[in-house]
Amino acid sequence: MKVNPTPTVFLQLRSRIRIPKDQTVKLGDVAFIVCDPEWEDRLAALPLVQPKDMDGNRMVMDLIQIIPRIRQLIPDVHIEPMGNHHTLVELTGPESRGSRLWFPLVWLLLFFGSALTIMNFHADVNMLEVQIRIVEMVTGERDEHPYLFQIAYSLGLGFGMTVFFNHLFKKKWNEEPTPLEVEMYLYQENLDQYVVAEEYRKMNKAAEGRGNES
């Protein structure tokens, strides 16, 4: 089959990827590629950069770095970039197996921390007097220890938290993201934007240093 002398390559860079530190970053790792079948495998395997120790655990791959490498492989290529113009590459080392001891420790910390937070809130708003007053309004009698109401209130509080966070252990009630998942997503987006800005600043500073030396 004759290869098209001027193929068109559509590139859509991923927002972020994770690869081992000792692995060469290839075009297929950082981008979705749509092109003629004759070039697809060669472009996916095109090496872009070999991470170094000085790169730390994050680096940014930009279209400005990627396009010249593609043109080295296909000189007359027509490149159509889509979406993101950079990819945040997270470099990972050997994975360490977490200790089973951490799970009960973290669980106990979260359990007692949450319990103390709720108890302190109830003490601040004088929840006991509120519950006594509610029971008095319903029954007509004042009970200084409304245990039945407090048990029902505690169960309702736990059930309400389960519904609000849309989680019971690993089970979700529906496909909607939980508030915690939304906050984690926004945090990760802001973190990625900050890291990308810092990487660009370092790249510009390094380029200025090379310019001053010349």
Protein backbone atom coordinates (compact mmCIF):
# COMPACT_ATOMS: atom_id res chain seq x y z
CA MET A 1 0.00 0.00 0.00
CA LYS A 2 1.34 3.42 -0.92
CA VAL A 3 2.01 5.76 1.97
CA ASN A 4 0.44 9.21 1.76
CA PRO A 5 3.39 11.66 1.37
CA THR A 6 1.62 14.41 3.30
CA PRO A 7 -0.44 12.70 5.99
CA THR A 8 -2.56 14.52 8.53
CA VAL A 9 -2.10 13.67 12.20
CA PHE A 10 -4.73 14.62 14.77
CA LEU A 11 -3.32 14.90 18.30
CA GLN A 12 -5.23 15.20 21.55
CA LEU A 13 -2.90 15.38 24.54
CA ARG A 14 -3.98 13.74 27.76
CA SER A 15 -4.26 16.00 30.79
CA ARG A 16 -1.99 13.84 32.98
CA ILE A 17 -0.34 10.42 32.91
CA ARG A 18 1.70 8.27 35.29
CA ILE A 19 4.68 6.26 34.10
CA PRO A 20 7.72 4.68 35.82
CA LYS A 21 10.80 6.88 36.13
CA ASP A 22 12.96 4.49 34.12
CA GLN A 23 10.53 4.35 31.18
CA THR A 24 10.93 6.46 28.06
CA VAL A 25 7.99 8.77 27.44
CA LYS A 26 6.45 7.91 24.06
CA LEU A 27 3.95 9.82 21.99
CA GLY A 28 1.35 7.11 22.51
CA ASP A 29 1.67 7.62 26.27
CA VAL A 30 0.83 11.32 26.24
CA ALA A 31 -1.57 11.64 23.31
CA PHE A 32 -4.51 10.12 21.49
CA ILE A 33 -3.49 9.79 17.84
CA VAL A 34 -5.69 9.68 14.75
CA CYS A 35 -3.84 9.31 11.46
CA ASP A 36 -3.35 7.01 8.49
CA PRO A 37 -2.93 3.39 9.59
CA GLU A 38 0.51 3.34 7.96
CA TRP A 39 1.85 5.77 10.56
CA GLU A 40 -0.22 4.93 13.62
CA ASP A 41 2.07 2.36 15.23
CA ARG A 42 5.25 4.29 14.45
CA LEU A 43 3.84 7.48 15.92
CA ALA A 44 2.60 5.71 19.07
CA ALA A 45 6.08 4.27 19.62
CA LEU A 46 7.86 7.57 18.87
CA PRO A 47 10.17 8.33 21.85
CA LEU A 48 9.89 11.85 23.19
CA VAL A 49 12.13 12.07 26.24
CA GLN A 50 13.97 9.87 28.71
CA PRO A 51 13.28 11.15 32.27
CA LYS A 52 16.34 12.12 34.30
CA ASP A 53 16.91 12.43 38.04
CA MET A 54 16.94 16.23 37.73
CA ASP A 55 13.34 16.13 36.45
CA GLY A 56 12.09 15.13 39.90
CA ASN A 57 8.77 13.31 40.01
CA ARG A 58 6.87 15.54 37.57
CA MET A 59 7.49 16.98 34.14
CA VAL A 60 5.46 18.67 31.41
CA MET A 61 5.31 17.60 27.78
CA ASP A 62 4.25 20.47 25.53
CA LEU A 63 3.21 20.56 21.88
CA ILE A 64 6.28 22.74 21.23
CA GLN A 65 8.42 19.74 22.25
CA ILE A 66 6.26 17.13 20.53
CA ILE A 67 5.73 18.66 17.08
CA PRO A 68 9.46 18.76 16.11
CA ARG A 69 9.82 15.07 17.01
CA ILE A 70 6.89 14.19 14.77
CA ARG A 71 8.34 16.25 11.93
CA GLN A 72 11.62 14.36 12.27
CA LEU A 73 9.71 11.16 11.59
CA ILE A 74 7.32 12.61 8.96
CA PRO A 75 8.85 15.77 7.45
CA ASP A 76 5.78 16.94 5.49
CA VAL A 77 3.19 16.02 8.09
CA HIS A 78 0.17 18.25 8.74
CA ILE A 79 -0.54 18.29 12.48
CA GLU A 80 -3.96 19.17 13.87
CA PRO A 81 -3.75 19.64 17.67
CA MET A 82 -6.98 19.28 19.65
CA GLY A 83 -7.78 20.01 23.28
CA ASN A 84 -4.92 20.37 25.75
CA HIS A 85 -1.57 21.75 24.61
CA HIS A 86 0.39 20.06 27.39
CA THR A 87 0.45 16.85 29.42
CA LEU A 88 1.53 16.57 33.04
CA VAL A 89 3.73 13.49 33.39
CA GLU A 90 3.97 12.03 36.88
CA LEU A 91 7.06 9.87 37.31
CA THR A 92 6.61 7.01 39.75
CA GLY A 93 9.17 4.85 41.48
CA PRO A 94 8.89 1.28 42.76
CA GLU A 95 5.57 0.82 44.54
CA SER A 96 5.83 0.03 48.23
CA ARG A 97 3.21 -2.20 49.80
CA GLY A 98 1.30 -0.40 52.51
CA SER A 99 1.37 -1.83 56.00
CA ARG A 100 -1.87 -3.39 57.22
CA LEU A 101 -1.28 -1.65 60.53
CA TRP A 102 -2.06 1.74 58.97
CA PHE A 103 -5.69 0.90 58.16
CA PRO A 104 -6.93 0.41 61.75
CA LEU A 105 -4.86 3.38 62.95
CA VAL A 106 -6.28 5.72 60.32
CA TRP A 107 -9.79 4.32 60.88
CA LEU A 108 -9.58 4.93 64.64
CA LEU A 109 -8.17 8.41 64.10
CA LEU A 110 -11.01 9.37 61.75
CA PHE A 111 -13.65 7.74 63.95
CA PHE A 112 -12.67 9.45 67.20
CA GLY A 113 -11.84 12.72 65.43
CA SER A 114 -15.29 12.82 63.82
CA ALA A 115 -16.97 11.81 67.09
CA LEU A 116 -15.19 14.55 69.06
CA THR A 117 -16.05 17.12 66.37
CA ILE A 118 -19.76 16.26 66.54
CA MET A 119 -19.73 16.20 70.36
CA ASN A 120 -18.00 19.58 70.57
CA PHE A 121 -20.50 21.06 68.12
CA HIS A 122 -23.41 19.71 70.16
CA ALA A 123 -21.87 21.15 73.34
CA ASP A 124 -21.45 24.57 71.70
CA VAL A 125 -25.12 24.76 70.64
CA ASN A 126 -26.40 23.08 73.86
CA MET A 127 -27.96 20.21 71.91
CA LEU A 128 -28.97 18.35 75.10
CA GLU A 129 -31.29 21.17 76.19
CA VAL A 130 -32.72 21.36 72.66
CA GLN A 131 -33.49 17.62 72.68
CA ILE A 132 -35.05 17.85 76.16
CA ARG A 133 -37.23 20.73 74.97
CA ILE A 134 -38.32 18.84 71.82
CA VAL A 135 -39.29 15.77 73.85
CA GLU A 136 -41.21 18.01 76.27
CA MET A 137 -43.09 19.64 73.39
CA VAL A 138 -44.05 16.24 71.93
CA THR A 139 -44.89 14.32 75.12
CA GLY A 140 -45.85 17.13 77.47
CA GLU A 141 -43.40 15.84 80.09
CA ARG A 142 -39.85 16.98 80.79
CA ASP A 143 -37.30 14.19 80.61
CA GLU A 144 -33.76 15.12 81.62
CA HIS A 145 -32.40 12.02 79.87
CA PRO A 146 -34.27 11.51 76.55
CA TYR A 147 -32.38 8.37 75.62
CA LEU A 148 -34.87 7.14 73.00
CA PHE A 149 -34.76 10.48 71.19
CA GLN A 150 -30.96 10.57 71.36
CA ILE A 151 -30.67 7.02 69.95
CA ALA A 152 -33.02 7.89 67.08
CA TYR A 153 -31.13 11.14 66.50
CA SER A 154 -27.77 9.33 66.38
CA LEU A 155 -29.05 6.73 63.91
CA GLY A 156 -30.59 9.46 61.77
CA LEU A 157 -27.35 11.41 61.83
CA GLY A 158 -25.38 8.39 60.60
CA PHE A 159 -27.97 7.60 57.92
CA GLY A 160 -27.98 11.22 56.76
CA MET A 161 -24.19 11.25 56.42
CA THR A 162 -24.34 8.02 54.41
CA VAL A 163 -26.92 9.48 52.02
CA PHE A 164 -25.07 12.82 51.77
CA PHE A 165 -21.73 11.20 50.87
CA ASN A 166 -23.45 8.60 48.65
CA HIS A 167 -21.27 5.82 50.05
CA LEU A 168 -21.58 2.80 52.29
CA PHE A 169 -18.11 1.26 52.42
CA LYS A 170 -17.44 0.58 48.70
CA LYS A 171 -21.09 0.69 47.60
CA LYS A 172 -22.56 3.82 45.98
CA TRP A 173 -26.29 4.46 45.88
CA ASN A 174 -26.16 6.04 42.42
CA GLU A 175 -23.68 7.26 39.80
CA GLU A 176 -23.60 10.86 41.03
CA PRO A 177 -20.21 11.97 42.37
CA THR A 178 -20.06 12.48 46.10
CA PRO A 179 -19.21 15.91 47.56
CA LEU A 180 -15.87 14.49 48.66
CA GLU A 181 -15.12 13.24 45.14
CA VAL A 182 -15.99 16.65 43.68
CA GLU A 183 -13.71 18.41 46.16
CA MET A 184 -10.89 15.96 45.46
CA TYR A 185 -11.34 16.50 41.72
CA LEU A 186 -11.19 20.29 42.11
CA TYR A 187 -8.16 19.96 44.38
CA GLN A 188 -6.40 17.75 41.81
CA GLU A 189 -7.25 20.19 38.99
CA ASN A 190 -5.84 23.14 40.95
CA LEU A 191 -2.77 21.14 41.92
CA ASP A 192 -2.13 20.15 38.30
CA GLN A 193 -2.48 23.75 37.12
CA TYR A 194 -0.02 24.90 39.77
CA VAL A 195 2.49 22.17 38.90
CA VAL A 196 2.22 22.97 35.17
CA ALA A 197 2.76 26.69 35.85
CA GLU A 198 5.80 25.88 37.99
CA GLU A 199 7.24 23.58 35.34
CA TYR A 200 6.81 26.26 32.68
CA ARG A 201 8.52 28.77 34.99
CA LYS A 202 11.47 26.40 35.43
CA MET A 203 11.67 25.79 31.68
CA ASN A 204 11.65 29.52 30.94
CA LYS A 205 14.28 30.14 33.61
CA ALA A 206 16.49 27.40 32.16
CA ALA A 207 16.04 28.82 28.65
CA GLU A 208 16.99 32.30 29.87
CA GLY A 209 20.08 30.85 31.57
CA ARG A 210 21.19 29.16 28.35
CA GLY A 211 20.58 32.40 26.46
CA ASN A 212 22.74 34.40 28.88
CA GLU A 213 25.55 31.85 28.62
CA SER A 214 25.58 32.12 24.83
